[in-house]
Amino acid sequence: MAENRQNNNRGGRPGQAGSGRGQGRPGGGAGGRSGAGAGNRAGGSAGRPGGKPGSRGPAGKAGPGGSGKSGQGKFTAPGKSGPGKSGPGRNAKAPAGKAPAGKGPQRGGQQSGDRPYANTDRYGRKMPDKVAIYGPHRRRRPKNPPVDRLEVHDAEGVRLQKLLANAGVASRRVCEEMISEGRVTVDGEVVTELGVRVDPKTAEITVDGLPIQLDDKLVYYAFNKPEGVVSTMEDQEGRQCISDFLVPHRHQHRIFHVGRLDIETEGLLLLTNDGELTNRLTHPSYEVPKTYLVQVRGPMEKGVGDQMKEGIMLDDGIAKVDSFRLVDSVPGHILVEVVLHSGRNRIVRRLFDAVGHPVERLVRTQVGPIRIGNQKQGVVRDLSKTEVGHLLASVGLSS
């Protein structure tokens, strides 16, 4: 009996059937879930069939003819069966020394290069071929070409933004913004590069479509003529004339007045040495509008304004005003604003005489786009570059 107990502890003789769960094959090695033949913790007596399996050991080599999962229990010699037969495991056909599929994480797996990641999203879905849709990648052209490629660029000229600032258009920083926004043209070509240089003597520059005067030899003045001054540069009778209001050291150019105002009329009179501009401003075909404030005796009957806009027959033909507006009215006096483009001699006074309201005071306040504003009488001021540009554009000229 002691011999049998000893044999039971040793796992039994080869080929002897055990008394455990299931029927093991003769010569069975580590079987069952624990890998021990007997089923008790120490692989001992066979009195408790199906006892608690021993603790799992590390994966090892199965004994000869073994079945079930690999891995032997503690204290069990490989290749010898225990007193209780161990039944087949859950995966009896699993190869020896290899864990069954589906139990725990498996090492190895797919390599990173096995999966075709090209043209797929993070979920492995096929993405559209961008090359087929958009074509091959092309290098983008620069937004602005180099300044050397521009025909208007003059390497020996003056920077465009500096030229505009010197011309009084705006500050240099604002001029740079105008250039970047495409508001400046040089010789008809839009310039957006800040490094462009131009020749101020030959370049034709516009800002927002208005020409900019760059030639310092041409001068443009606005003169607020007082009453009693003759509209000439010299007067043989010794009366006060335009030249009496010019400063010799400042107004050195030979200038002439654009049109005339009679000796009693006050207001705006343009002075310049630009002959072409003078010809166009005074020629009837360009129809440059002129605005006057007229003070007459009142009250004035209704319909006088409509009558003057429709036309009144004078000695030298029909004359009319473009607009008629009542500005102010006080007992005995009326202030009217009229606009007309005719340049005939004393035309405003003759029109009001024809309707029975002789002129008491006449002031010209505007010629084309140039206004007298709050300029004092007897003062000669330089027109700004912007004003010159508007004036030239009004008669189809460019600087």
Protein backbone atom coordinates (compact mmCIF):
# COMPACT_ATOMS: atom_id res chain seq x y z
CA MET A 1 0.00 0.00 0.00
CA ALA A 2 2.89 2.21 0.71
CA GLU A 3 4.19 1.28 -2.67
CA ASN A 4 0.94 2.30 -4.28
CA ARG A 5 0.98 5.63 -2.46
CA GLN A 6 4.50 6.17 -3.62
CA ASN A 7 3.53 5.36 -7.14
CA ASN A 8 0.55 7.69 -6.91
CA ASN A 9 2.75 10.51 -5.81
CA ARG A 10 5.14 9.81 -8.66
CA GLY A 11 2.33 10.01 -11.16
CA GLY A 12 1.77 6.30 -11.82
CA ARG A 13 3.39 3.84 -14.10
CA PRO A 14 3.50 4.41 -17.79
CA GLY A 15 0.39 3.18 -19.48
CA GLN A 16 -1.68 2.91 -16.24
CA ALA A 17 -5.14 4.43 -16.31
CA GLY A 18 -5.81 7.17 -13.78
CA SER A 19 -8.95 7.86 -11.82
CA GLY A 20 -9.36 11.57 -12.60
CA ARG A 21 -11.65 13.40 -14.95
CA GLY A 22 -11.91 11.94 -18.41
CA GLN A 23 -9.76 9.19 -19.86
CA GLY A 24 -6.18 10.03 -20.63
CA ARG A 25 -4.11 8.19 -23.14
CA PRO A 26 -1.41 5.81 -21.92
CA GLY A 27 1.85 7.57 -21.40
CA GLY A 28 0.01 10.91 -21.18
CA GLY A 29 1.96 13.87 -20.01
CA ALA A 30 0.70 17.17 -18.66
CA GLY A 31 -3.03 17.12 -19.30
CA GLY A 32 -6.12 18.96 -18.30
CA ARG A 33 -6.30 22.55 -17.29
CA SER A 34 -3.63 22.41 -14.65
CA GLY A 35 -1.19 20.36 -16.66
CA ALA A 36 -0.94 17.92 -13.67
CA GLY A 37 -2.23 14.38 -13.91
CA ALA A 38 -3.70 14.10 -10.41
CA GLY A 39 -5.65 17.29 -10.01
CA ASN A 40 -4.59 18.14 -6.45
CA ARG A 41 -2.24 21.01 -5.72
CA ALA A 42 0.84 18.91 -5.21
CA GLY A 43 -0.01 16.31 -7.80
CA GLY A 44 -0.64 13.82 -4.90
CA SER A 45 -3.20 11.18 -4.00
CA ALA A 46 -5.89 10.07 -6.35
CA GLY A 47 -8.67 9.99 -3.73
CA ARG A 48 -10.25 13.21 -4.99
CA PRO A 49 -11.07 12.89 -8.63
CA GLY A 50 -11.39 16.18 -10.37
CA GLY A 51 -9.81 18.01 -7.48
CA LYS A 52 -8.65 21.59 -7.58
CA PRO A 53 -6.05 21.98 -10.24
CA GLY A 54 -2.64 23.15 -9.37
CA SER A 55 -1.41 26.60 -10.20
CA ARG A 56 -0.58 27.30 -13.81
CA GLY A 57 3.01 27.08 -14.67
CA PRO A 58 4.91 28.80 -17.41
CA ALA A 59 4.46 27.61 -20.94
CA GLY A 60 6.53 24.49 -21.43
CA LYS A 61 7.03 21.55 -23.67
CA ALA A 62 4.32 18.93 -23.52
CA GLY A 63 5.18 15.39 -22.64
CA PRO A 64 5.10 12.62 -25.20
CA GLY A 65 1.63 11.92 -26.38
CA GLY A 66 0.21 14.69 -24.24
CA SER A 67 -3.09 16.31 -24.99
CA GLY A 68 -4.80 19.59 -24.20
CA LYS A 69 -3.14 22.86 -23.34
CA SER A 70 0.56 23.13 -23.05
CA GLY A 71 2.19 24.03 -19.79
CA GLN A 72 2.79 21.64 -16.91
CA GLY A 73 1.66 21.92 -13.33
CA LYS A 74 3.99 22.26 -10.41
CA PHE A 75 6.09 19.29 -9.22
CA THR A 76 4.98 17.10 -12.16
CA ALA A 77 7.68 15.54 -14.19
CA PRO A 78 7.18 15.76 -17.92
CA GLY A 79 6.35 12.55 -19.70
CA LYS A 80 4.72 10.80 -16.70
CA SER A 81 1.03 10.49 -16.02
CA GLY A 82 -0.53 11.11 -12.65
CA PRO A 83 -2.77 8.69 -10.80
CA GLY A 84 -5.87 10.43 -12.05
CA LYS A 85 -6.31 10.52 -15.75
CA SER A 86 -6.40 13.97 -17.14
CA GLY A 87 -9.04 14.62 -19.71
CA PRO A 88 -8.50 16.33 -22.99
CA GLY A 89 -8.34 20.14 -22.84
CA ARG A 90 -10.60 22.55 -24.60
CA ASN A 91 -8.36 22.61 -27.62
CA ALA A 92 -7.16 19.08 -27.78
CA LYS A 93 -5.86 19.44 -31.33
CA ALA A 94 -3.67 22.43 -30.58
CA PRO A 95 -0.06 21.81 -31.58
CA ALA A 96 2.32 21.05 -28.78
CA GLY A 97 3.99 24.05 -27.24
CA LYS A 98 1.63 26.60 -28.87
CA ALA A 99 -1.09 28.53 -27.10
CA PRO A 100 -4.63 28.15 -28.46
CA ALA A 101 -6.09 30.82 -30.67
CA GLY A 102 -8.30 33.44 -29.08
CA LYS A 103 -6.79 33.27 -25.57
CA GLY A 104 -5.17 36.56 -24.58
CA PRO A 105 -3.11 38.95 -26.67
CA GLN A 106 -0.95 37.49 -29.37
CA ARG A 107 2.47 38.72 -30.27
CA GLY A 108 3.75 39.19 -33.74
CA GLY A 109 0.65 40.39 -35.63
CA GLN A 110 0.71 42.42 -38.83
CA GLN A 111 3.72 44.47 -39.63
CA SER A 112 3.30 48.19 -40.29
CA GLY A 113 4.23 47.70 -43.90
CA ASP A 114 1.57 45.05 -44.48
CA ARG A 115 -1.26 47.59 -44.56
CA PRO A 116 -1.53 49.87 -47.60
CA TYR A 117 -1.94 53.28 -45.94
CA ALA A 118 -1.69 55.30 -49.15
CA ASN A 119 -4.93 57.07 -50.10
CA THR A 120 -6.76 55.81 -46.99
CA ASP A 121 -8.07 57.62 -43.95
CA ARG A 122 -7.47 56.62 -40.32
CA TYR A 123 -10.22 54.00 -40.56
CA GLY A 124 -8.80 52.35 -43.64
CA ARG A 125 -11.41 53.76 -46.00
CA LYS A 126 -10.37 54.53 -49.54
CA MET A 127 -9.80 58.23 -50.20
CA PRO A 128 -10.23 59.92 -53.60
CA ASP A 129 -7.16 60.31 -55.74
CA LYS A 130 -6.26 64.02 -55.52
CA VAL A 131 -3.92 63.81 -58.46
CA ALA A 132 -6.72 62.48 -60.67
CA ILE A 133 -9.06 65.26 -59.47
CA TYR A 134 -6.78 68.29 -59.22
CA GLY A 135 -3.95 67.25 -61.48
CA PRO A 136 -0.27 67.08 -60.61
CA HIS A 137 1.16 69.56 -58.13
CA ARG A 138 2.40 72.72 -59.72
CA ARG A 139 4.55 75.38 -58.17
CA ARG A 140 2.54 78.51 -57.59
CA ARG A 141 3.62 81.66 -59.29
CA PRO A 142 4.50 84.56 -57.00
CA LYS A 143 1.62 86.91 -56.24
CA ASN A 144 3.54 89.94 -57.42
CA PRO A 145 6.19 89.68 -60.13
CA PRO A 146 9.60 91.17 -59.46
CA VAL A 147 9.70 94.89 -60.07
CA ASP A 148 12.39 94.44 -62.70
CA ARG A 149 9.80 92.75 -64.94
CA LEU A 150 7.46 95.76 -64.91
CA GLU A 151 7.74 98.02 -67.92
CA VAL A 152 7.11 101.12 -65.81
CA HIS A 153 10.02 100.37 -63.48
CA ASP A 154 12.97 102.73 -63.87
CA ALA A 155 15.97 101.65 -61.81
CA GLU A 156 17.29 105.23 -61.75
CA GLY A 157 13.95 106.82 -60.88
CA VAL A 158 12.27 107.76 -57.61
CA ARG A 159 10.31 105.33 -55.46
CA LEU A 160 6.64 105.59 -56.28
CA GLN A 161 5.42 106.00 -52.68
CA LYS A 162 7.96 108.76 -52.05
CA LEU A 163 6.91 110.54 -55.22
CA LEU A 164 3.24 110.42 -54.20
CA ALA A 165 4.03 111.69 -50.71
CA ASN A 166 6.10 114.56 -52.10
CA ALA A 167 3.23 115.42 -54.44
CA GLY A 168 0.98 115.93 -51.42
CA VAL A 169 -1.30 112.93 -52.03
CA ALA A 170 -0.92 111.55 -48.49
CA SER A 171 1.70 110.39 -46.02
CA ARG A 172 4.21 107.84 -47.25
CA ARG A 173 2.63 105.05 -45.23
CA VAL A 174 -0.83 105.80 -46.62
CA CYS A 175 0.65 105.99 -50.13
CA GLU A 176 2.14 102.52 -49.63
CA GLU A 177 -1.29 101.21 -48.66
CA MET A 178 -2.79 102.79 -51.78
CA ILE A 179 -0.19 101.06 -53.93
CA SER A 180 -0.73 97.68 -52.27
CA GLU A 181 -4.49 98.01 -52.76
CA GLY A 182 -4.05 98.57 -56.51
CA ARG A 183 -5.32 102.16 -56.50
CA VAL A 184 -2.27 103.62 -58.26
CA THR A 185 -1.47 103.37 -61.97
CA VAL A 186 1.69 104.37 -63.81
CA ASP A 187 1.37 104.95 -67.55
CA GLY A 188 -1.94 103.08 -67.49
CA GLU A 189 -0.56 100.02 -65.69
CA VAL A 190 -1.73 99.13 -62.18
CA VAL A 191 1.21 98.91 -59.79
CA THR A 192 1.02 96.98 -56.50
CA GLU A 193 4.74 96.59 -55.75
CA LEU A 194 6.33 98.97 -53.27
CA GLY A 195 9.77 98.80 -54.86
CA VAL A 196 8.80 100.37 -58.18
CA ARG A 197 10.76 103.44 -59.25
CA VAL A 198 9.49 105.86 -61.87
CA ASP A 199 10.72 108.93 -63.69
CA PRO A 200 8.73 111.94 -62.40
CA LYS A 201 9.40 113.86 -65.61
CA THR A 202 7.81 111.32 -67.95
CA ALA A 203 5.52 109.08 -65.83
CA GLU A 204 1.76 109.59 -65.89
CA ILE A 205 0.47 108.64 -62.45
CA THR A 206 -3.13 108.38 -61.28
CA VAL A 207 -4.62 107.64 -57.86
CA ASP A 208 -8.19 106.31 -57.88
CA GLY A 209 -8.40 107.38 -61.52
CA LEU A 210 -7.34 110.98 -60.86
CA PRO A 211 -4.11 112.26 -62.44
CA ILE A 212 -1.34 113.50 -60.17
CA GLN A 213 0.64 116.58 -61.20
CA LEU A 214 4.39 115.93 -60.90
CA ASP A 215 5.92 118.64 -63.09
CA ASP A 216 7.19 121.43 -60.84
CA LYS A 217 7.40 123.81 -63.79
CA LEU A 218 3.61 124.03 -64.02
CA VAL A 219 1.88 126.09 -61.34
CA TYR A 220 -1.78 126.37 -60.36
CA TYR A 221 -3.22 129.04 -58.07
CA ALA A 222 -6.62 130.06 -56.72
CA PHE A 223 -7.16 133.80 -56.24
CA ASN A 224 -10.06 135.25 -54.28
CA LYS A 225 -10.52 138.51 -56.17
CA PRO A 226 -11.89 141.42 -54.20
CA GLU A 227 -14.33 143.92 -55.66
CA GLY A 228 -12.65 146.73 -57.58
CA VAL A 229 -9.71 144.64 -58.88
CA VAL A 230 -9.21 144.39 -62.63
CA SER A 231 -8.86 140.87 -64.05
CA THR A 232 -5.56 141.57 -65.82
CA MET A 233 -1.90 141.16 -64.94
CA GLU A 234 -1.17 144.84 -65.76
CA ASP A 235 -3.41 147.88 -66.08
CA GLN A 236 -2.41 150.93 -68.08
CA GLU A 237 -4.78 153.12 -66.06
CA GLY A 238 -3.00 152.23 -62.85
CA ARG A 239 -5.91 150.39 -61.28
CA GLN A 240 -5.32 147.53 -58.92
CA CYS A 241 -4.82 144.24 -60.81
CA ILE A 242 -3.93 140.60 -60.19
CA SER A 243 -0.14 141.07 -60.21
CA ASP A 244 -0.45 143.33 -57.17
CA PHE A 245 -1.40 140.28 -55.10
CA LEU A 246 1.46 138.04 -56.28
CA VAL A 247 4.66 137.71 -54.25
CA PRO A 248 7.66 138.35 -56.57
CA HIS A 249 10.09 135.91 -54.93
CA ARG A 250 7.45 133.16 -54.88
CA HIS A 251 5.50 133.63 -58.09
CA GLN A 252 8.42 133.81 -60.52
CA HIS A 253 6.68 132.00 -63.37
CA ARG A 254 4.85 133.77 -66.12
CA ILE A 255 1.22 133.10 -65.29
CA PHE A 256 -2.12 134.20 -66.68
CA HIS A 257 -5.69 134.15 -65.46
CA VAL A 258 -8.31 131.63 -66.61
CA GLY A 259 -11.26 133.67 -67.80
CA ARG A 260 -12.31 137.00 -66.37
CA LEU A 261 -14.44 138.59 -63.68
CA ASP A 262 -15.72 142.12 -64.16
CA ILE A 263 -14.39 144.75 -61.81
CA GLU A 264 -17.49 144.67 -59.55
CA THR A 265 -17.61 140.85 -59.26
CA GLU A 266 -15.80 139.06 -56.44
CA GLY A 267 -14.66 135.52 -55.97
CA LEU A 268 -12.66 132.69 -57.47
CA LEU A 269 -10.24 133.30 -60.31
CA LEU A 270 -7.82 130.56 -61.41
CA LEU A 271 -4.21 131.42 -62.30
CA THR A 272 -1.79 129.09 -64.11
CA ASN A 273 0.94 128.77 -66.71
CA ASP A 274 -0.67 125.65 -68.19
CA GLY A 275 -1.83 126.86 -71.59
CA GLU A 276 -3.68 123.69 -72.55
CA LEU A 277 -5.68 123.72 -69.34
CA THR A 278 -6.56 127.39 -69.82
CA ASN A 279 -7.83 126.77 -73.34
CA ARG A 280 -10.05 123.90 -72.27
CA LEU A 281 -11.46 125.63 -69.21
CA THR A 282 -12.52 128.63 -71.29
CA HIS A 283 -13.72 126.77 -74.38
CA PRO A 284 -17.55 126.41 -74.59
CA SER A 285 -17.37 122.81 -75.84
CA TYR A 286 -16.09 121.57 -72.45
CA GLU A 287 -18.98 123.25 -70.61
CA VAL A 288 -17.14 123.75 -67.32
CA PRO A 289 -19.77 124.68 -64.69
CA LYS A 290 -19.38 127.87 -62.65
CA THR A 291 -21.29 128.61 -59.44
CA TYR A 292 -22.32 132.10 -58.28
CA LEU A 293 -24.00 133.59 -55.23
CA VAL A 294 -26.27 136.43 -56.36
CA GLN A 295 -27.83 139.04 -54.09
CA VAL A 296 -30.78 140.87 -55.65
CA ARG A 297 -33.62 143.08 -54.50
CA GLY A 298 -36.72 141.28 -53.30
CA PRO A 299 -39.26 139.98 -53.03
CA MET A 300 -39.00 137.72 -56.06
CA GLU A 301 -42.03 136.39 -57.88
CA LYS A 302 -42.61 132.67 -58.22
CA GLY A 303 -41.56 131.11 -61.48
CA VAL A 304 -38.46 133.27 -62.01
CA GLY A 305 -36.18 130.30 -61.43
CA ASP A 306 -38.07 128.12 -63.92
CA GLN A 307 -37.99 130.94 -66.43
CA MET A 308 -34.21 131.27 -66.13
CA LYS A 309 -33.72 127.50 -66.46
CA GLU A 310 -35.87 127.36 -69.59
CA GLY A 311 -33.93 130.19 -71.22
CA ILE A 312 -34.19 133.95 -71.69
CA MET A 313 -33.60 135.81 -74.93
CA LEU A 314 -30.75 138.34 -74.64
CA ASP A 315 -29.08 140.62 -77.19
CA ASP A 316 -26.58 137.91 -78.18
CA GLY A 317 -28.97 134.95 -78.07
CA ILE A 318 -30.75 132.72 -75.60
CA ALA A 319 -29.09 132.21 -72.21
CA LYS A 320 -30.13 129.97 -69.34
CA VAL A 321 -28.87 128.63 -66.05
CA ASP A 322 -28.27 124.96 -65.20
CA SER A 323 -29.69 125.26 -61.68
CA PHE A 324 -31.44 127.89 -59.56
CA ARG A 325 -31.70 127.69 -55.76
CA LEU A 326 -33.01 130.15 -53.18
CA VAL A 327 -30.44 130.37 -50.37
CA ASP A 328 -31.75 133.11 -48.07
CA SER A 329 -34.37 135.81 -47.94
CA VAL A 330 -34.64 138.92 -45.78
CA PRO A 331 -36.99 141.87 -46.18
CA GLY A 332 -35.94 143.68 -49.32
CA HIS A 333 -33.14 141.26 -50.31
CA ILE A 334 -32.85 137.72 -51.67
CA LEU A 335 -29.75 135.51 -51.94
CA VAL A 336 -29.79 133.04 -54.83
CA GLU A 337 -27.30 130.42 -56.02
CA VAL A 338 -27.09 129.75 -59.76
CA VAL A 339 -24.91 127.38 -61.79
CA LEU A 340 -24.22 127.88 -65.49
CA HIS A 341 -21.51 126.87 -67.94
CA SER A 342 -21.73 129.82 -70.29
CA GLY A 343 -18.73 132.14 -70.31
CA ARG A 344 -20.28 135.11 -72.06
CA ASN A 345 -19.47 138.59 -70.81
CA ARG A 346 -21.48 139.67 -67.73
CA ILE A 347 -23.94 136.84 -68.41
CA VAL A 348 -25.25 136.57 -64.81
CA ARG A 349 -25.95 140.26 -64.43
CA ARG A 350 -27.74 140.41 -67.78
CA LEU A 351 -29.95 137.43 -66.92
CA PHE A 352 -31.17 138.98 -63.67
CA ASP A 353 -31.65 142.33 -65.34
CA ALA A 354 -33.89 140.58 -67.89
CA VAL A 355 -36.21 139.22 -65.16
CA GLY A 356 -36.42 142.56 -63.34
CA HIS A 357 -34.04 141.92 -60.45
CA PRO A 358 -30.78 143.84 -60.86
CA VAL A 359 -27.75 142.36 -59.11
CA GLU A 360 -26.58 144.04 -55.91
CA ARG A 361 -23.64 141.76 -55.22
CA LEU A 362 -22.11 138.90 -57.22
CA VAL A 363 -19.56 136.35 -55.94
CA ARG A 364 -18.18 133.39 -57.88
CA THR A 365 -17.70 130.49 -55.46
CA GLN A 366 -16.68 127.57 -57.70
CA VAL A 367 -15.09 126.75 -61.08
CA GLY A 368 -15.38 123.11 -62.07
CA PRO A 369 -14.24 121.06 -59.04
CA ILE A 370 -12.36 123.97 -57.38
CA ARG A 371 -14.15 125.80 -54.54
CA ILE A 372 -13.29 129.11 -52.91
CA GLY A 373 -14.19 127.76 -49.46
CA ASN A 374 -13.15 129.99 -46.57
CA GLN A 375 -10.25 131.56 -48.46
CA LYS A 376 -9.90 135.23 -47.58
CA GLN A 377 -10.22 137.96 -50.17
CA GLY A 378 -6.98 139.06 -51.81
CA VAL A 379 -5.20 135.76 -50.97
CA VAL A 380 -3.46 133.65 -53.63
CA ARG A 381 -3.04 129.99 -52.65
CA ASP A 382 -1.52 126.97 -54.35
CA LEU A 383 -3.93 124.30 -55.49
CA SER A 384 -3.22 120.94 -53.90
CA LYS A 385 -2.10 118.03 -56.03
CA THR A 386 -5.50 116.45 -55.58
CA GLU A 387 -7.28 119.62 -56.71
CA VAL A 388 -5.03 119.84 -59.77
CA GLY A 389 -5.80 116.23 -60.60
CA HIS A 390 -9.55 116.83 -60.36
CA LEU A 391 -9.26 119.98 -62.44
CA LEU A 392 -7.27 118.29 -65.19
CA ALA A 393 -9.62 115.32 -65.24
CA SER A 394 -12.66 117.59 -65.58
CA VAL A 395 -11.45 118.66 -69.04
CA GLY A 396 -9.96 115.34 -70.13
CA LEU A 397 -6.31 116.06 -69.33
CA SER A 398 -3.77 114.00 -67.39
CA SER A 399 -0.58 115.07 -65.73
